[in-house]
Amino acid sequence: MPLCGARWRSAPLHSALLFAPSLGSLSLAHSADPVATRQNSTSGRPKSPRIQVVLPEDVCERLGAVAEAEARTVSNMARVLIQQGLEVYEQQQAALRAAAAPSPAARAQDTDNFRQALEQQEQAEPKRLRGAPRRLRLNRPRA
């Protein structure tokens, strides 16, 4: 039974899975764990973590078509596309952080300006307070 470009290879697996065509999702009938699950293979070696993803039906069909064109499984194609998307996302975030961080020259200028302001305060005569101290009212920020 084809499902979004994938083929079911075992009947027990098919009977253990539920498919909601309106959402384009696969989910294990007994699993409500939102964390990636780790399984062991029959040889005892750990398998890669497994996650569940809910896709709209059109995205699922497009993913199946791309996987078929690349001669990959739908799962493998999804993994490759997620890896590529994460690399692009991380590069964009690094570029944003680099653009937001002030340059060393700008930080040095800010430090010099601050130092000069402190030195001017030290050189000026101290201001005398007039009268008794007043109570300060602090306004709380509104949420």
N, C-alpha and C. Protein backbone atom coordinates (compact mmCIF):
# COMPACT_ATOMS: atom_id res chain seq x y z
N MET A 1 0.85 -1.18 0.00
CA MET A 1 0.00 0.00 0.00
C MET A 1 0.89 1.23 0.00
N PRO A 2 0.96 2.02 -1.08
CA PRO A 2 1.80 3.21 -1.09
C PRO A 2 1.22 4.30 -0.19
N LEU A 3 2.12 5.02 0.45
CA LEU A 3 1.72 6.07 1.37
C LEU A 3 2.67 7.23 1.20
N CYS A 4 2.23 8.29 0.53
CA CYS A 4 3.06 9.47 0.31
C CYS A 4 4.38 9.08 -0.33
N GLY A 5 4.39 8.18 -1.27
CA GLY A 5 5.61 7.79 -1.96
C GLY A 5 6.38 6.69 -1.25
N ALA A 6 5.97 6.28 -0.05
CA ALA A 6 6.68 5.23 0.67
C ALA A 6 5.94 3.91 0.49
N ARG A 7 6.64 2.82 0.67
CA ARG A 7 6.01 1.50 0.57
C ARG A 7 6.13 0.81 1.90
N TRP A 8 5.04 0.13 2.30
CA TRP A 8 5.07 -0.63 3.54
C TRP A 8 5.71 -1.97 3.24
N ARG A 9 6.69 -2.34 4.05
CA ARG A 9 7.41 -3.58 3.79
C ARG A 9 6.95 -4.71 4.69
N SER A 10 6.31 -4.38 5.83
CA SER A 10 5.87 -5.46 6.71
C SER A 10 4.45 -5.18 7.18
N ALA A 11 3.64 -6.22 7.17
CA ALA A 11 2.25 -6.08 7.59
C ALA A 11 2.14 -5.75 9.08
N PRO A 12 2.98 -6.34 9.99
CA PRO A 12 2.84 -5.99 11.40
C PRO A 12 3.12 -4.50 11.65
N LEU A 13 4.09 -3.94 10.94
CA LEU A 13 4.38 -2.52 11.11
C LEU A 13 3.19 -1.69 10.66
N HIS A 14 2.59 -2.06 9.54
CA HIS A 14 1.44 -1.33 9.03
C HIS A 14 0.29 -1.37 10.02
N SER A 15 0.07 -2.52 10.66
CA SER A 15 -1.04 -2.61 11.59
C SER A 15 -0.75 -1.85 12.88
N ALA A 16 0.53 -1.59 13.19
CA ALA A 16 0.87 -0.86 14.42
C ALA A 16 0.80 0.65 14.22
N LEU A 17 0.75 1.09 12.97
CA LEU A 17 0.75 2.52 12.69
C LEU A 17 -0.65 3.01 12.34
N LEU A 18 -0.91 4.24 12.73
CA LEU A 18 -2.16 4.89 12.35
C LEU A 18 -1.83 5.97 11.35
N PHE A 19 -2.70 6.20 10.38
CA PHE A 19 -2.47 7.24 9.39
C PHE A 19 -3.68 8.13 9.33
N ALA A 20 -3.46 9.42 9.45
CA ALA A 20 -4.54 10.40 9.36
C ALA A 20 -4.35 11.15 8.05
N PRO A 21 -5.06 10.79 6.98
CA PRO A 21 -4.82 11.40 5.68
C PRO A 21 -5.06 12.90 5.67
N SER A 22 -5.95 13.40 6.50
CA SER A 22 -6.20 14.84 6.48
C SER A 22 -5.00 15.62 6.99
N LEU A 23 -4.19 15.02 7.85
CA LEU A 23 -3.02 15.70 8.37
C LEU A 23 -1.74 15.26 7.68
N GLY A 24 -1.75 14.12 7.04
CA GLY A 24 -0.55 13.59 6.43
C GLY A 24 0.44 13.15 7.49
N SER A 25 -0.03 12.54 8.58
CA SER A 25 0.88 12.21 9.68
C SER A 25 0.93 10.72 9.92
N LEU A 26 2.05 10.27 10.40
CA LEU A 26 2.22 8.91 10.86
C LEU A 26 2.47 8.97 12.34
N SER A 27 1.84 8.13 13.12
CA SER A 27 2.13 8.11 14.55
C SER A 27 1.99 6.70 15.07
N LEU A 28 2.83 6.32 16.01
CA LEU A 28 2.72 5.02 16.62
C LEU A 28 1.51 5.02 17.54
N ALA A 29 0.75 3.95 17.50
CA ALA A 29 -0.49 3.89 18.26
C ALA A 29 -0.24 3.95 19.76
N HIS A 30 0.88 3.41 20.23
CA HIS A 30 1.13 3.35 21.66
C HIS A 30 2.03 4.46 22.15
N SER A 31 2.56 5.30 21.29
CA SER A 31 3.56 6.27 21.70
C SER A 31 2.96 7.66 21.87
N ALA A 32 3.12 8.24 23.08
CA ALA A 32 2.70 9.61 23.32
C ALA A 32 3.91 10.43 23.76
N ASP A 33 5.10 9.88 23.64
CA ASP A 33 6.34 10.52 24.08
C ASP A 33 6.79 11.55 23.06
N PRO A 34 6.88 12.86 23.43
CA PRO A 34 7.27 13.88 22.47
C PRO A 34 8.78 13.91 22.22
N VAL A 35 9.57 13.17 22.99
CA VAL A 35 11.01 13.18 22.87
C VAL A 35 11.43 12.12 21.86
N ALA A 36 12.53 12.38 21.16
CA ALA A 36 13.04 11.40 20.21
C ALA A 36 13.35 10.10 20.95
N THR A 37 12.91 8.99 20.39
CA THR A 37 13.13 7.70 21.04
C THR A 37 14.34 7.02 20.43
N ARG A 38 15.05 6.29 21.25
CA ARG A 38 16.24 5.59 20.78
C ARG A 38 15.96 4.09 20.93
N GLN A 39 16.25 3.34 19.88
CA GLN A 39 16.00 1.91 19.88
C GLN A 39 17.31 1.18 19.65
N ASN A 40 17.32 -0.10 19.93
CA ASN A 40 18.48 -0.93 19.65
C ASN A 40 18.15 -1.87 18.50
N SER A 41 19.15 -2.14 17.67
CA SER A 41 18.94 -3.08 16.57
C SER A 41 19.02 -4.49 17.12
N THR A 42 18.77 -5.47 16.27
CA THR A 42 18.81 -6.86 16.71
C THR A 42 20.22 -7.26 17.12
N SER A 43 21.24 -6.59 16.61
CA SER A 43 22.62 -6.90 16.99
C SER A 43 23.00 -6.20 18.30
N GLY A 44 22.12 -5.35 18.82
CA GLY A 44 22.39 -4.68 20.08
C GLY A 44 22.94 -3.27 19.93
N ARG A 45 23.34 -2.90 18.71
CA ARG A 45 23.87 -1.55 18.50
C ARG A 45 22.72 -0.56 18.53
N PRO A 46 22.95 0.65 19.08
CA PRO A 46 21.86 1.63 19.13
C PRO A 46 21.56 2.19 17.74
N LYS A 47 20.27 2.38 17.48
CA LYS A 47 19.84 3.00 16.22
C LYS A 47 19.81 4.51 16.40
N SER A 48 19.68 5.22 15.32
CA SER A 48 19.54 6.68 15.38
C SER A 48 18.23 7.03 16.05
N PRO A 49 18.15 8.20 16.72
CA PRO A 49 16.90 8.60 17.37
C PRO A 49 15.77 8.73 16.35
N ARG A 50 14.56 8.43 16.77
CA ARG A 50 13.38 8.50 15.91
C ARG A 50 12.49 9.63 16.40
N ILE A 51 11.92 10.39 15.47
CA ILE A 51 10.95 11.43 15.81
C ILE A 51 9.73 11.27 14.92
N GLN A 52 8.65 11.92 15.30
CA GLN A 52 7.44 11.93 14.50
C GLN A 52 7.19 13.35 14.02
N VAL A 53 6.82 13.48 12.77
CA VAL A 53 6.58 14.80 12.18
C VAL A 53 5.20 14.79 11.54
N VAL A 54 4.44 15.84 11.75
CA VAL A 54 3.12 15.97 11.13
C VAL A 54 3.27 16.90 9.94
N LEU A 55 2.91 16.41 8.76
CA LEU A 55 3.02 17.18 7.52
C LEU A 55 1.66 17.34 6.87
N PRO A 56 1.43 18.48 6.25
CA PRO A 56 0.23 18.59 5.41
C PRO A 56 0.34 17.60 4.26
N GLU A 57 -0.79 17.19 3.74
CA GLU A 57 -0.80 16.16 2.71
C GLU A 57 -0.02 16.58 1.47
N ASP A 58 -0.14 17.84 1.06
CA ASP A 58 0.58 18.27 -0.15
C ASP A 58 2.09 18.24 0.07
N VAL A 59 2.55 18.59 1.27
CA VAL A 59 3.99 18.54 1.57
C VAL A 59 4.47 17.09 1.56
N CYS A 60 3.64 16.20 2.10
CA CYS A 60 3.98 14.78 2.13
C CYS A 60 4.10 14.23 0.70
N GLU A 61 3.19 14.62 -0.16
CA GLU A 61 3.25 14.17 -1.56
C GLU A 61 4.47 14.74 -2.27
N ARG A 62 4.77 16.01 -2.04
CA ARG A 62 5.96 16.63 -2.65
C ARG A 62 7.23 15.95 -2.16
N LEU A 63 7.28 15.64 -0.86
CA LEU A 63 8.44 14.95 -0.30
C LEU A 63 8.59 13.57 -0.94
N GLY A 64 7.48 12.88 -1.11
CA GLY A 64 7.53 11.56 -1.77
C GLY A 64 8.02 11.66 -3.20
N ALA A 65 7.58 12.70 -3.92
CA ALA A 65 8.02 12.87 -5.32
C ALA A 65 9.51 13.18 -5.39
N VAL A 66 9.99 14.04 -4.50
CA VAL A 66 11.42 14.38 -4.48
C VAL A 66 12.24 13.14 -4.11
N ALA A 67 11.76 12.37 -3.14
CA ALA A 67 12.47 11.15 -2.73
C ALA A 67 12.55 10.16 -3.88
N GLU A 68 11.45 10.02 -4.60
CA GLU A 68 11.45 9.10 -5.73
C GLU A 68 12.41 9.56 -6.83
N ALA A 69 12.43 10.87 -7.09
CA ALA A 69 13.33 11.41 -8.11
C ALA A 69 14.79 11.25 -7.71
N GLU A 70 15.08 11.29 -6.41
CA GLU A 70 16.45 11.14 -5.92
C GLU A 70 16.80 9.69 -5.62
N ALA A 71 15.87 8.78 -5.82
CA ALA A 71 16.05 7.35 -5.54
C ALA A 71 16.41 7.14 -4.07
N ARG A 72 15.64 7.78 -3.19
CA ARG A 72 15.83 7.66 -1.74
C ARG A 72 14.50 7.25 -1.12
N THR A 73 14.59 6.81 0.12
CA THR A 73 13.35 6.58 0.86
C THR A 73 12.83 7.94 1.31
N VAL A 74 11.54 8.01 1.65
CA VAL A 74 10.95 9.25 2.12
C VAL A 74 11.63 9.68 3.42
N SER A 75 11.90 8.72 4.29
CA SER A 75 12.54 9.01 5.56
C SER A 75 13.94 9.59 5.35
N ASN A 76 14.71 8.98 4.46
CA ASN A 76 16.05 9.46 4.18
C ASN A 76 16.02 10.84 3.54
N MET A 77 15.09 11.06 2.63
CA MET A 77 14.99 12.37 1.98
C MET A 77 14.63 13.44 3.00
N ALA A 78 13.71 13.12 3.91
CA ALA A 78 13.34 14.07 4.96
C ALA A 78 14.55 14.39 5.83
N ARG A 79 15.34 13.38 6.17
CA ARG A 79 16.55 13.60 6.98
C ARG A 79 17.52 14.53 6.26
N VAL A 80 17.75 14.29 4.98
CA VAL A 80 18.68 15.12 4.21
C VAL A 80 18.19 16.57 4.15
N LEU A 81 16.91 16.75 3.85
CA LEU A 81 16.36 18.10 3.76
C LEU A 81 16.38 18.83 5.11
N ILE A 82 16.12 18.11 6.19
CA ILE A 82 16.17 18.72 7.52
C ILE A 82 17.60 19.13 7.84
N GLN A 83 18.58 18.28 7.53
CA GLN A 83 19.99 18.63 7.78
C GLN A 83 20.39 19.87 6.99
N GLN A 84 20.00 19.93 5.72
CA GLN A 84 20.34 21.10 4.90
C GLN A 84 19.66 22.35 5.44
N GLY A 85 18.40 22.23 5.83
CA GLY A 85 17.68 23.38 6.38
C GLY A 85 18.30 23.88 7.68
N LEU A 86 18.74 22.95 8.54
CA LEU A 86 19.39 23.35 9.79
C LEU A 86 20.71 24.06 9.53
N GLU A 87 21.47 23.59 8.55
CA GLU A 87 22.74 24.26 8.22
C GLU A 87 22.50 25.68 7.75
N VAL A 88 21.51 25.87 6.88
CA VAL A 88 21.18 27.21 6.40
C VAL A 88 20.71 28.09 7.55
N TYR A 89 19.85 27.55 8.41
CA TYR A 89 19.33 28.30 9.56
C TYR A 89 20.46 28.73 10.49
N GLU A 90 21.38 27.80 10.80
CA GLU A 90 22.49 28.12 11.70
C GLU A 90 23.41 29.17 11.09
N GLN A 91 23.64 29.12 9.78
CA GLN A 91 24.45 30.14 9.11
C GLN A 91 23.78 31.51 9.19
N GLN A 92 22.47 31.55 8.99
CA GLN A 92 21.74 32.82 9.08
C GLN A 92 21.79 33.38 10.49
N GLN A 93 21.63 32.52 11.50
CA GLN A 93 21.68 32.98 12.89
C GLN A 93 23.07 33.49 13.25
N ALA A 94 24.11 32.82 12.77
CA ALA A 94 25.48 33.27 13.04
C ALA A 94 25.72 34.63 12.39
N ALA A 95 25.20 34.82 11.17
CA ALA A 95 25.36 36.11 10.48
C ALA A 95 24.62 37.21 11.23
N LEU A 96 23.42 36.91 11.75
CA LEU A 96 22.66 37.91 12.52
C LEU A 96 23.38 38.28 13.81
N ARG A 97 23.95 37.27 14.49
CA ARG A 97 24.69 37.55 15.73
C ARG A 97 25.92 38.39 15.44
N ALA A 98 26.61 38.09 14.34
CA ALA A 98 27.80 38.85 13.99
C ALA A 98 27.45 40.30 13.64
N ALA A 99 26.32 40.50 12.96
CA ALA A 99 25.90 41.85 12.58
C ALA A 99 25.44 42.63 13.80
N ALA A 100 24.85 41.97 14.79
CA ALA A 100 24.33 42.65 15.97
C ALA A 100 25.43 42.99 16.97
N ALA A 101 26.51 42.24 16.97
CA ALA A 101 27.59 42.47 17.92
C ALA A 101 28.38 43.72 17.51
N PRO A 102 28.66 44.61 18.47
CA PRO A 102 29.44 45.80 18.12
C PRO A 102 30.89 45.42 17.80
N SER A 103 31.48 46.18 16.92
CA SER A 103 32.87 45.91 16.55
C SER A 103 33.79 46.28 17.71
N PRO A 104 34.99 45.73 17.75
CA PRO A 104 35.93 46.08 18.82
C PRO A 104 36.24 47.58 18.86
N ALA A 105 36.29 48.23 17.70
CA ALA A 105 36.55 49.67 17.66
C ALA A 105 35.40 50.45 18.30
N ALA A 106 34.16 50.02 18.05
CA ALA A 106 33.00 50.70 18.63
C ALA A 106 32.98 50.50 20.15
N ARG A 107 33.34 49.28 20.61
CA ARG A 107 33.40 49.04 22.06
C ARG A 107 34.47 49.88 22.71
N ALA A 108 35.62 50.01 22.05
CA ALA A 108 36.70 50.83 22.60
C ALA A 108 36.27 52.29 22.68
N GLN A 109 35.57 52.80 21.66
CA GLN A 109 35.09 54.18 21.67
C GLN A 109 34.09 54.40 22.80
N ASP A 110 33.18 53.45 23.01
CA ASP A 110 32.22 53.55 24.11
C ASP A 110 32.93 53.58 25.46
N THR A 111 33.96 52.75 25.61
CA THR A 111 34.73 52.72 26.85
C THR A 111 35.43 54.05 27.09
N ASP A 112 36.02 54.61 26.03
CA ASP A 112 36.71 55.91 26.15
C ASP A 112 35.73 57.01 26.54
N ASN A 113 34.55 57.02 25.92
CA ASN A 113 33.55 58.03 26.24
C ASN A 113 33.10 57.91 27.70
N PHE A 114 32.91 56.71 28.17
CA PHE A 114 32.48 56.49 29.54
C PHE A 114 33.56 56.95 30.51
N ARG A 115 34.81 56.59 30.21
CA ARG A 115 35.93 56.99 31.06
C ARG A 115 36.04 58.51 31.13
N GLN A 116 35.90 59.19 30.00
CA GLN A 116 35.98 60.66 29.98
C GLN A 116 34.86 61.28 30.82
N ALA A 117 33.66 60.74 30.73
CA ALA A 117 32.54 61.27 31.51
C ALA A 117 32.80 61.10 33.01
N LEU A 118 33.38 59.97 33.42
CA LEU A 118 33.70 59.77 34.83
C LEU A 118 34.78 60.74 35.30
N GLU A 119 35.78 60.94 34.45
CA GLU A 119 36.86 61.86 34.82
C GLU A 119 36.34 63.28 34.96
N GLN A 120 35.41 63.69 34.11
CA GLN A 120 34.84 65.04 34.20
C GLN A 120 34.03 65.18 35.49
N GLN A 121 33.34 64.14 35.90
CA GLN A 121 32.58 64.19 37.16
C GLN A 121 33.52 64.32 38.35
N GLU A 122 34.67 63.64 38.31
CA GLU A 122 35.63 63.71 39.40
C GLU A 122 36.22 65.12 39.52
N GLN A 123 36.45 65.76 38.38
CA GLN A 123 37.08 67.09 38.39
C GLN A 123 36.10 68.18 38.77
N ALA A 124 34.84 68.02 38.51
CA ALA A 124 33.85 69.04 38.83
C ALA A 124 33.63 69.07 40.34
N GLU A 125 33.24 70.25 40.84
CA GLU A 125 32.95 70.36 42.27
C GLU A 125 31.69 69.55 42.58
N PRO A 126 31.73 68.88 43.74
CA PRO A 126 30.54 68.09 44.08
C PRO A 126 29.35 68.99 44.36
N LYS A 127 28.18 68.56 43.96
CA LYS A 127 26.96 69.33 44.19
C LYS A 127 26.48 69.08 45.61
N ARG A 128 26.04 70.14 46.24
CA ARG A 128 25.52 70.03 47.60
C ARG A 128 24.04 69.71 47.53
N LEU A 129 23.62 68.85 48.40
CA LEU A 129 22.20 68.53 48.48
C LEU A 129 21.51 69.61 49.28
N ARG A 130 20.33 70.00 48.85
CA ARG A 130 19.56 71.03 49.56
C ARG A 130 18.40 70.37 50.28
N GLY A 131 18.28 70.68 51.54
CA GLY A 131 17.15 70.19 52.31
C GLY A 131 17.27 68.72 52.67
N ALA A 132 16.23 68.22 53.28
CA ALA A 132 16.20 66.82 53.70
C ALA A 132 15.95 65.93 52.48
N PRO A 133 16.43 64.71 52.55
CA PRO A 133 16.20 63.79 51.43
C PRO A 133 14.71 63.53 51.24
N ARG A 134 14.29 63.40 50.04
CA ARG A 134 12.89 63.12 49.71
C ARG A 134 12.71 61.64 49.42
N ARG A 135 11.47 61.21 49.62
CA ARG A 135 11.16 59.81 49.31
C ARG A 135 11.01 59.68 47.80
N LEU A 136 11.66 58.69 47.23
CA LEU A 136 11.55 58.44 45.79
C LEU A 136 10.41 57.46 45.54
N ARG A 137 9.65 57.76 44.53
CA ARG A 137 8.60 56.84 44.11
C ARG A 137 9.05 56.17 42.81
N LEU A 138 9.07 54.87 42.85
CA LEU A 138 9.45 54.11 41.68
C LEU A 138 8.18 53.54 41.04
N ASN A 139 8.04 53.81 39.78
CA ASN A 139 6.88 53.28 39.05
C ASN A 139 7.20 51.88 38.57
N ARG A 140 6.31 50.98 38.85
CA ARG A 140 6.50 49.60 38.39
C ARG A 140 6.16 49.52 36.91
N PRO A 141 6.92 48.76 36.16
CA PRO A 141 6.60 48.60 34.75
C PRO A 141 5.29 47.87 34.58
N ARG A 142 4.52 48.33 33.62
CA ARG A 142 3.21 47.70 33.35
C ARG A 142 3.40 46.52 32.43
N ALA A 143 2.73 45.45 32.76
CA ALA A 143 2.88 44.23 31.97
C ALA A 143 1.94 44.19 30.82
